[in-house]
Amino acid sequence: VAESKKIGEFETDVLKYRAEAEFLLKDFA
């Protein structure tokens, strides 16, 4: 999503996955 200029459906989907990965990494912040 680095080059995205706005948050659309694809970016939303990727951000959901990123949040899960960050949680599993125990980077809760």
PDB file of all heavy atoms in Angstrom:
ATOM      1  N   VAL A   1       0.820  -1.220   0.000  1.00  0.00           N
ATOM      2  CA  VAL A   1       0.000   0.000   0.000  1.00  0.00           C
ATOM      3  C   VAL A   1       0.849   1.264   0.000  1.00  0.00           C
ATOM      4  O   VAL A   1       0.312   2.372   0.112  1.00  0.00           O
ATOM      5  CB  VAL A   1      -0.958   0.012   1.217  1.00  0.00           C
ATOM      6  CG1 VAL A   1      -1.937  -1.147   1.134  1.00  0.00           C
ATOM      7  CG2 VAL A   1      -0.189  -0.040   2.534  1.00  0.00           C
ATOM      8  N   ALA A   2       2.153   1.117  -0.148  1.00  0.00           N
ATOM      9  CA  ALA A   2       3.060   2.268  -0.022  1.00  0.00           C
ATOM     10  C   ALA A   2       2.771   3.371  -1.033  1.00  0.00           C
ATOM     11  O   ALA A   2       2.896   4.560  -0.721  1.00  0.00           O
ATOM     12  CB  ALA A   2       4.514   1.806  -0.157  1.00  0.00           C
ATOM     13  N   GLU A   3       2.380   3.003  -2.250  1.00  0.00           N
ATOM     14  CA  GLU A   3       2.166   3.986  -3.302  1.00  0.00           C
ATOM     15  C   GLU A   3       0.713   4.448  -3.401  1.00  0.00           C
ATOM     16  O   GLU A   3       0.387   5.290  -4.241  1.00  0.00           O
ATOM     17  CB  GLU A   3       2.607   3.409  -4.648  1.00  0.00           C
ATOM     18  CG  GLU A   3       4.074   2.982  -4.695  1.00  0.00           C
ATOM     19  CD  GLU A   3       5.021   4.136  -4.388  1.00  0.00           C
ATOM     20  OE1 GLU A   3       4.733   5.266  -4.843  1.00  0.00           O
ATOM     21  OE2 GLU A   3       6.020   3.907  -3.683  1.00  0.00           O
ATOM     22  N   SER A   4      -0.141   3.916  -2.562  1.00  0.00           N
ATOM     23  CA  SER A   4      -1.564   4.270  -2.640  1.00  0.00           C
ATOM     24  C   SER A   4      -1.789   5.698  -2.166  1.00  0.00           C
ATOM     25  O   SER A   4      -1.231   6.126  -1.153  1.00  0.00           O
ATOM     26  CB  SER A   4      -2.401   3.306  -1.796  1.00  0.00           C
ATOM     27  OG  SER A   4      -2.268   1.983  -2.277  1.00  0.00           O
ATOM     28  N   LYS A   5      -2.619   6.425  -2.895  1.00  0.00           N
ATOM     29  CA  LYS A   5      -2.907   7.807  -2.541  1.00  0.00           C
ATOM     30  C   LYS A   5      -4.164   7.932  -1.696  1.00  0.00           C
ATOM     31  O   LYS A   5      -4.445   8.993  -1.147  1.00  0.00           O
ATOM     32  CB  LYS A   5      -3.050   8.646  -3.815  1.00  0.00           C
ATOM     33  CG  LYS A   5      -1.764   8.753  -4.640  1.00  0.00           C
ATOM     34  CD  LYS A   5      -1.979   9.594  -5.880  1.00  0.00           C
ATOM     35  CE  LYS A   5      -0.662   9.842  -6.612  1.00  0.00           C
ATOM     36  NZ  LYS A   5       0.008   8.583  -7.020  1.00  0.00           N
ATOM     37  N   LYS A   6      -4.934   6.863  -1.611  1.00  0.00           N
ATOM     38  CA  LYS A   6      -6.146   6.870  -0.801  1.00  0.00           C
ATOM     39  C   LYS A   6      -6.410   5.449  -0.313  1.00  0.00           C
ATOM     40  O   LYS A   6      -5.847   4.483  -0.832  1.00  0.00           O
ATOM     41  CB  LYS A   6      -7.338   7.379  -1.610  1.00  0.00           C
ATOM     42  CG  LYS A   6      -7.655   6.543  -2.833  1.00  0.00           C
ATOM     43  CD  LYS A   6      -8.720   7.177  -3.716  1.00  0.00           C
ATOM     44  CE  LYS A   6     -10.054   7.264  -3.009  1.00  0.00           C
ATOM     45  NZ  LYS A   6     -11.122   7.770  -3.899  1.00  0.00           N
ATOM     46  N   ILE A   7      -7.250   5.343   0.678  1.00  0.00           N
ATOM     47  CA  ILE A   7      -7.600   4.031   1.219  1.00  0.00           C
ATOM     48  C   ILE A   7      -8.891   3.572   0.561  1.00  0.00           C
ATOM     49  O   ILE A   7      -9.979   4.071   0.860  1.00  0.00           O
ATOM     50  CB  ILE A   7      -7.755   4.073   2.751  1.00  0.00           C
ATOM     51  CG1 ILE A   7      -6.424   4.457   3.395  1.00  0.00           C
ATOM     52  CG2 ILE A   7      -8.230   2.718   3.280  1.00  0.00           C
ATOM     53  CD1 ILE A   7      -6.482   4.574   4.902  1.00  0.00           C
ATOM     54  N   GLY A   8      -8.740   2.629  -0.366  1.00  0.00           N
ATOM     55  CA  GLY A   8      -9.893   2.016  -1.007  1.00  0.00           C
ATOM     56  C   GLY A   8     -10.106   0.620  -0.465  1.00  0.00           C
ATOM     57  O   GLY A   8      -9.603   0.258   0.604  1.00  0.00           O
ATOM     58  N   GLU A   9     -10.843  -0.189  -1.211  1.00  0.00           N
ATOM     59  CA  GLU A   9     -11.164  -1.533  -0.733  1.00  0.00           C
ATOM     60  C   GLU A   9      -9.922  -2.412  -0.619  1.00  0.00           C
ATOM     61  O   GLU A   9      -9.793  -3.194   0.329  1.00  0.00           O
ATOM     62  CB  GLU A   9     -12.199  -2.171  -1.668  1.00  0.00           C
ATOM     63  CG  GLU A   9     -13.559  -1.505  -1.585  1.00  0.00           C
ATOM     64  CD  GLU A   9     -14.578  -2.159  -2.492  1.00  0.00           C
ATOM     65  OE1 GLU A   9     -14.170  -2.692  -3.547  1.00  0.00           O
ATOM     66  OE2 GLU A   9     -15.760  -2.147  -2.150  1.00  0.00           O
ATOM     67  N   PHE A  10      -9.030  -2.296  -1.594  1.00  0.00           N
ATOM     68  CA  PHE A  10      -7.815  -3.113  -1.532  1.00  0.00           C
ATOM     69  C   PHE A  10      -6.975  -2.733  -0.315  1.00  0.00           C
ATOM     70  O   PHE A  10      -6.498  -3.596   0.424  1.00  0.00           O
ATOM     71  CB  PHE A  10      -6.997  -2.935  -2.813  1.00  0.00           C
ATOM     72  CG  PHE A  10      -5.656  -3.634  -2.765  1.00  0.00           C
ATOM     73  CD1 PHE A  10      -5.568  -4.996  -2.994  1.00  0.00           C
ATOM     74  CD2 PHE A  10      -4.497  -2.936  -2.469  1.00  0.00           C
ATOM     75  CE1 PHE A  10      -4.347  -5.656  -2.939  1.00  0.00           C
ATOM     76  CE2 PHE A  10      -3.269  -3.587  -2.409  1.00  0.00           C
ATOM     77  CZ  PHE A  10      -3.199  -4.947  -2.648  1.00  0.00           C
ATOM     78  N   GLU A  11      -6.782  -1.427  -0.110  1.00  0.00           N
ATOM     79  CA  GLU A  11      -5.974  -0.972   1.034  1.00  0.00           C
ATOM     80  C   GLU A  11      -6.599  -1.393   2.359  1.00  0.00           C
ATOM     81  O   GLU A  11      -5.901  -1.785   3.295  1.00  0.00           O
ATOM     82  CB  GLU A  11      -5.812   0.550   0.987  1.00  0.00           C
ATOM     83  CG  GLU A  11      -4.864   1.046  -0.082  1.00  0.00           C
ATOM     84  CD  GLU A  11      -5.506   1.121  -1.446  1.00  0.00           C
ATOM     85  OE1 GLU A  11      -6.725   0.877  -1.554  1.00  0.00           O
ATOM     86  OE2 GLU A  11      -4.790   1.424  -2.415  1.00  0.00           O
ATOM     87  N   THR A  12      -7.921  -1.306   2.433  1.00  0.00           N
ATOM     88  CA  THR A  12      -8.610  -1.736   3.650  1.00  0.00           C
ATOM     89  C   THR A  12      -8.347  -3.205   3.935  1.00  0.00           C
ATOM     90  O   THR A  12      -8.051  -3.600   5.073  1.00  0.00           O
ATOM     91  CB  THR A  12     -10.126  -1.486   3.514  1.00  0.00           C
ATOM     92  OG1 THR A  12     -10.358  -0.081   3.392  1.00  0.00           O
ATOM     93  CG2 THR A  12     -10.876  -2.015   4.723  1.00  0.00           C
ATOM     94  N   ASP A  13      -8.425  -4.022   2.892  1.00  0.00           N
ATOM     95  CA  ASP A  13      -8.171  -5.451   3.044  1.00  0.00           C
ATOM     96  C   ASP A  13      -6.746  -5.701   3.527  1.00  0.00           C
ATOM     97  O   ASP A  13      -6.513  -6.498   4.449  1.00  0.00           O
ATOM     98  CB  ASP A  13      -8.406  -6.132   1.697  1.00  0.00           C
ATOM     99  CG  ASP A  13      -8.366  -7.643   1.787  1.00  0.00           C
ATOM    100  OD1 ASP A  13      -9.106  -8.209   2.604  1.00  0.00           O
ATOM    101  OD2 ASP A  13      -7.581  -8.267   1.051  1.00  0.00           O
ATOM    102  N   VAL A  14      -5.779  -5.002   2.924  1.00  0.00           N
ATOM    103  CA  VAL A  14      -4.378  -5.174   3.313  1.00  0.00           C
ATOM    104  C   VAL A  14      -4.148  -4.700   4.736  1.00  0.00           C
ATOM    105  O   VAL A  14      -3.422  -5.346   5.520  1.00  0.00           O
ATOM    106  CB  VAL A  14      -3.453  -4.416   2.334  1.00  0.00           C
ATOM    107  CG1 VAL A  14      -2.019  -4.399   2.854  1.00  0.00           C
ATOM    108  CG2 VAL A  14      -3.492  -5.063   0.958  1.00  0.00           C
ATOM    109  N   LEU A  15      -4.774  -3.595   5.121  1.00  0.00           N
ATOM    110  CA  LEU A  15      -4.589  -3.083   6.482  1.00  0.00           C
ATOM    111  C   LEU A  15      -5.153  -4.043   7.532  1.00  0.00           C
ATOM    112  O   LEU A  15      -4.600  -4.162   8.633  1.00  0.00           O
ATOM    113  CB  LEU A  15      -5.242  -1.708   6.620  1.00  0.00           C
ATOM    114  CG  LEU A  15      -4.515  -0.565   5.911  1.00  0.00           C
ATOM    115  CD1 LEU A  15      -5.361   0.709   5.942  1.00  0.00           C
ATOM    116  CD2 LEU A  15      -3.149  -0.309   6.549  1.00  0.00           C
ATOM    117  N   LYS A  16      -6.211  -4.738   7.209  1.00  0.00           N
ATOM    118  CA  LYS A  16      -6.740  -5.745   8.136  1.00  0.00           C
ATOM    119  C   LYS A  16      -5.705  -6.846   8.371  1.00  0.00           C
ATOM    120  O   LYS A  16      -5.472  -7.269   9.513  1.00  0.00           O
ATOM    121  CB  LYS A  16      -8.028  -6.352   7.588  1.00  0.00           C
ATOM    122  CG  LYS A  16      -9.218  -5.413   7.560  1.00  0.00           C
ATOM    123  CD  LYS A  16     -10.392  -6.094   6.881  1.00  0.00           C
ATOM    124  CE  LYS A  16     -11.564  -5.166   6.681  1.00  0.00           C
ATOM    125  NZ  LYS A  16     -12.682  -5.817   5.963  1.00  0.00           N
ATOM    126  N   TYR A  17      -5.106  -7.304   7.286  1.00  0.00           N
ATOM    127  CA  TYR A  17      -4.064  -8.319   7.421  1.00  0.00           C
ATOM    128  C   TYR A  17      -2.858  -7.766   8.186  1.00  0.00           C
ATOM    129  O   TYR A  17      -2.250  -8.465   9.003  1.00  0.00           O
ATOM    130  CB  TYR A  17      -3.626  -8.818   6.044  1.00  0.00           C
ATOM    131  CG  TYR A  17      -4.517  -9.887   5.475  1.00  0.00           C
ATOM    132  CD1 TYR A  17      -5.357  -9.623   4.403  1.00  0.00           C
ATOM    133  CD2 TYR A  17      -4.525 -11.177   6.007  1.00  0.00           C
ATOM    134  CE1 TYR A  17      -6.175 -10.611   3.869  1.00  0.00           C
ATOM    135  CE2 TYR A  17      -5.344 -12.173   5.488  1.00  0.00           C
ATOM    136  CZ  TYR A  17      -6.168 -11.876   4.419  1.00  0.00           C
ATOM    137  OH  TYR A  17      -6.976 -12.863   3.915  1.00  0.00           O
ATOM    138  N   ARG A  18      -2.498  -6.510   7.895  1.00  0.00           N
ATOM    139  CA  ARG A  18      -1.347  -5.934   8.595  1.00  0.00           C
ATOM    140  C   ARG A  18      -1.609  -5.860  10.093  1.00  0.00           C
ATOM    141  O   ARG A  18      -0.720  -6.165  10.907  1.00  0.00           O
ATOM    142  CB  ARG A  18      -1.027  -4.534   8.051  1.00  0.00           C
ATOM    143  CG  ARG A  18       0.298  -3.996   8.584  1.00  0.00           C
ATOM    144  CD  ARG A  18       0.602  -2.615   8.065  1.00  0.00           C
ATOM    145  NE  ARG A  18      -0.109  -1.580   8.817  1.00  0.00           N
ATOM    146  CZ  ARG A  18       0.007  -0.266   8.577  1.00  0.00           C
ATOM    147  NH1 ARG A  18       0.768   0.147   7.574  1.00  0.00           N
ATOM    148  NH2 ARG A  18      -0.667   0.613   9.301  1.00  0.00           N
ATOM    149  N   ALA A  19      -2.806  -5.472  10.468  1.00  0.00           N
ATOM    150  CA  ALA A  19      -3.146  -5.396  11.891  1.00  0.00           C
ATOM    151  C   ALA A  19      -3.026  -6.756  12.562  1.00  0.00           C
ATOM    152  O   ALA A  19      -2.512  -6.879  13.678  1.00  0.00           O
ATOM    153  CB  ALA A  19      -4.561  -4.843  12.058  1.00  0.00           C
ATOM    154  N   GLU A  20      -3.484  -7.804  11.861  1.00  0.00           N
ATOM    155  CA  GLU A  20      -3.362  -9.153  12.430  1.00  0.00           C
ATOM    156  C   GLU A  20      -1.899  -9.540  12.596  1.00  0.00           C
ATOM    157  O   GLU A  20      -1.502 -10.093  13.638  1.00  0.00           O
ATOM    158  CB  GLU A  20      -4.061 -10.174  11.552  1.00  0.00           C
ATOM    159  CG  GLU A  20      -3.969 -11.586  12.137  1.00  0.00           C
ATOM    160  CD  GLU A  20      -4.468 -12.662  11.196  1.00  0.00           C
ATOM    161  OE1 GLU A  20      -4.842 -12.355  10.061  1.00  0.00           O
ATOM    162  OE2 GLU A  20      -4.460 -13.833  11.618  1.00  0.00           O
ATOM    163  N   ALA A  21      -1.097  -9.266  11.571  1.00  0.00           N
ATOM    164  CA  ALA A  21       0.329  -9.618  11.648  1.00  0.00           C
ATOM    165  C   ALA A  21       1.014  -8.851  12.774  1.00  0.00           C
ATOM    166  O   ALA A  21       1.849  -9.417  13.500  1.00  0.00           O
ATOM    167  CB  ALA A  21       1.011  -9.322  10.315  1.00  0.00           C
ATOM    168  N   GLU A  22       0.686  -7.589  12.936  1.00  0.00           N
ATOM    169  CA  GLU A  22       1.275  -6.793  14.023  1.00  0.00           C
ATOM    170  C   GLU A  22       0.866  -7.343  15.376  1.00  0.00           C
ATOM    171  O   GLU A  22       1.681  -7.389  16.312  1.00  0.00           O
ATOM    172  CB  GLU A  22       0.834  -5.334  13.878  1.00  0.00           C
ATOM    173  CG  GLU A  22       1.488  -4.634  12.693  1.00  0.00           C
ATOM    174  CD  GLU A  22       0.832  -3.320  12.348  1.00  0.00           C
ATOM    175  OE1 GLU A  22      -0.359  -3.117  12.693  1.00  0.00           O
ATOM    176  OE2 GLU A  22       1.485  -2.474  11.719  1.00  0.00           O
ATOM    177  N   PHE A  23      -0.389  -7.775  15.488  1.00  0.00           N
ATOM    178  CA  PHE A  23      -0.853  -8.363  16.743  1.00  0.00           C
ATOM    179  C   PHE A  23      -0.093  -9.642  17.047  1.00  0.00           C
ATOM    180  O   PHE A  23       0.364  -9.859  18.174  1.00  0.00           O
ATOM    181  CB  PHE A  23      -2.356  -8.648  16.673  1.00  0.00           C
ATOM    182  CG  PHE A  23      -2.923  -9.173  17.956  1.00  0.00           C
ATOM    183  CD1 PHE A  23      -3.416  -8.304  18.914  1.00  0.00           C
ATOM    184  CD2 PHE A  23      -2.961 -10.543  18.220  1.00  0.00           C
ATOM    185  CE1 PHE A  23      -3.938  -8.789  20.111  1.00  0.00           C
ATOM    186  CE2 PHE A  23      -3.477 -11.027  19.402  1.00  0.00           C
ATOM    187  CZ  PHE A  23      -3.965 -10.144  20.355  1.00  0.00           C
ATOM    188  N   LEU A  24       0.052 -10.491  16.048  1.00  0.00           N
ATOM    189  CA  LEU A  24       0.766 -11.751  16.247  1.00  0.00           C
ATOM    190  C   LEU A  24       2.246 -11.525  16.532  1.00  0.00           C
ATOM    191  O   LEU A  24       2.893 -12.341  17.190  1.00  0.00           O
ATOM    192  CB  LEU A  24       0.589 -12.644  15.024  1.00  0.00           C
ATOM    193  CG  LEU A  24      -0.853 -13.130  14.783  1.00  0.00           C
ATOM    194  CD1 LEU A  24      -0.965 -13.829  13.435  1.00  0.00           C
ATOM    195  CD2 LEU A  24      -1.313 -14.047  15.905  1.00  0.00           C
ATOM    196  N   LEU A  25       2.762 -10.402  16.061  1.00  0.00           N
ATOM    197  CA  LEU A  25       4.140 -10.005  16.356  1.00  0.00           C
ATOM    198  C   LEU A  25       4.259  -9.439  17.767  1.00  0.00           C
ATOM    199  O   LEU A  25       5.351  -9.171  18.249  1.00  0.00           O
ATOM    200  CB  LEU A  25       4.597  -8.969  15.323  1.00  0.00           C
ATOM    201  CG  LEU A  25       6.069  -8.588  15.238  1.00  0.00           C
ATOM    202  CD1 LEU A  25       6.951  -9.806  14.947  1.00  0.00           C
ATOM    203  CD2 LEU A  25       6.277  -7.518  14.173  1.00  0.00           C
ATOM    204  N   LYS A  26       3.112  -9.266  18.418  1.00  0.00           N
ATOM    205  CA  LYS A  26       3.001  -8.678  19.754  1.00  0.00           C
ATOM    206  C   LYS A  26       3.392  -7.197  19.761  1.00  0.00           C
ATOM    207  O   LYS A  26       3.784  -6.657  20.787  1.00  0.00           O
ATOM    208  CB  LYS A  26       3.806  -9.472  20.797  1.00  0.00           C
ATOM    209  CG  LYS A  26       3.345 -10.915  20.957  1.00  0.00           C
ATOM    210  CD  LYS A  26       3.987 -11.585  22.145  1.00  0.00           C
ATOM    211  CE  LYS A  26       3.562 -13.055  22.246  1.00  0.00           C
ATOM    212  NZ  LYS A  26       2.111 -13.221  22.389  1.00  0.00           N
ATOM    213  N   ASP A  27       3.270  -6.565  18.605  1.00  0.00           N
ATOM    214  CA  ASP A  27       3.438  -5.119  18.526  1.00  0.00           C
ATOM    215  C   ASP A  27       2.047  -4.515  18.651  1.00  0.00           C
ATOM    216  O   ASP A  27       1.439  -4.059  17.682  1.00  0.00           O
ATOM    217  CB  ASP A  27       4.089  -4.727  17.194  1.00  0.00           C
ATOM    218  CG  ASP A  27       4.535  -3.271  17.176  1.00  0.00           C
ATOM    219  OD1 ASP A  27       4.102  -2.504  18.065  1.00  0.00           O
ATOM    220  OD2 ASP A  27       5.309  -2.898  16.276  1.00  0.00           O
ATOM    221  N   PHE A  28       1.548  -4.521  19.886  1.00  0.00           N
ATOM    222  CA  PHE A  28       0.165  -4.151  20.115  1.00  0.00           C
ATOM    223  C   PHE A  28      -0.111  -2.682  19.821  1.00  0.00           C
ATOM    224  O   PHE A  28      -1.205  -2.328  19.371  1.00  0.00           O
ATOM    225  CB  PHE A  28      -0.234  -4.505  21.547  1.00  0.00           C
ATOM    226  CG  PHE A  28      -0.048  -5.958  21.875  1.00  0.00           C
ATOM    227  CD1 PHE A  28       0.784  -6.357  22.910  1.00  0.00           C
ATOM    228  CD2 PHE A  28      -0.689  -6.934  21.129  1.00  0.00           C
ATOM    229  CE1 PHE A  28       0.960  -7.696  23.201  1.00  0.00           C
ATOM    230  CE2 PHE A  28      -0.515  -8.285  21.406  1.00  0.00           C
ATOM    231  CZ  PHE A  28       0.310  -8.669  22.447  1.00  0.00           C
ATOM    232  N   ALA A  29       0.869  -1.827  20.059  1.00  0.00           N
ATOM    233  CA  ALA A  29       0.697  -0.408  19.755  1.00  0.00           C
ATOM    234  C   ALA A  29       0.523  -0.205  18.252  1.00  0.00           C
ATOM    235  O   ALA A  29      -0.329   0.578  17.811  1.00  0.00           O
ATOM    236  CB  ALA A  29       1.886   0.396  20.267  1.00  0.00           C
TER     237      ALA A  29
END
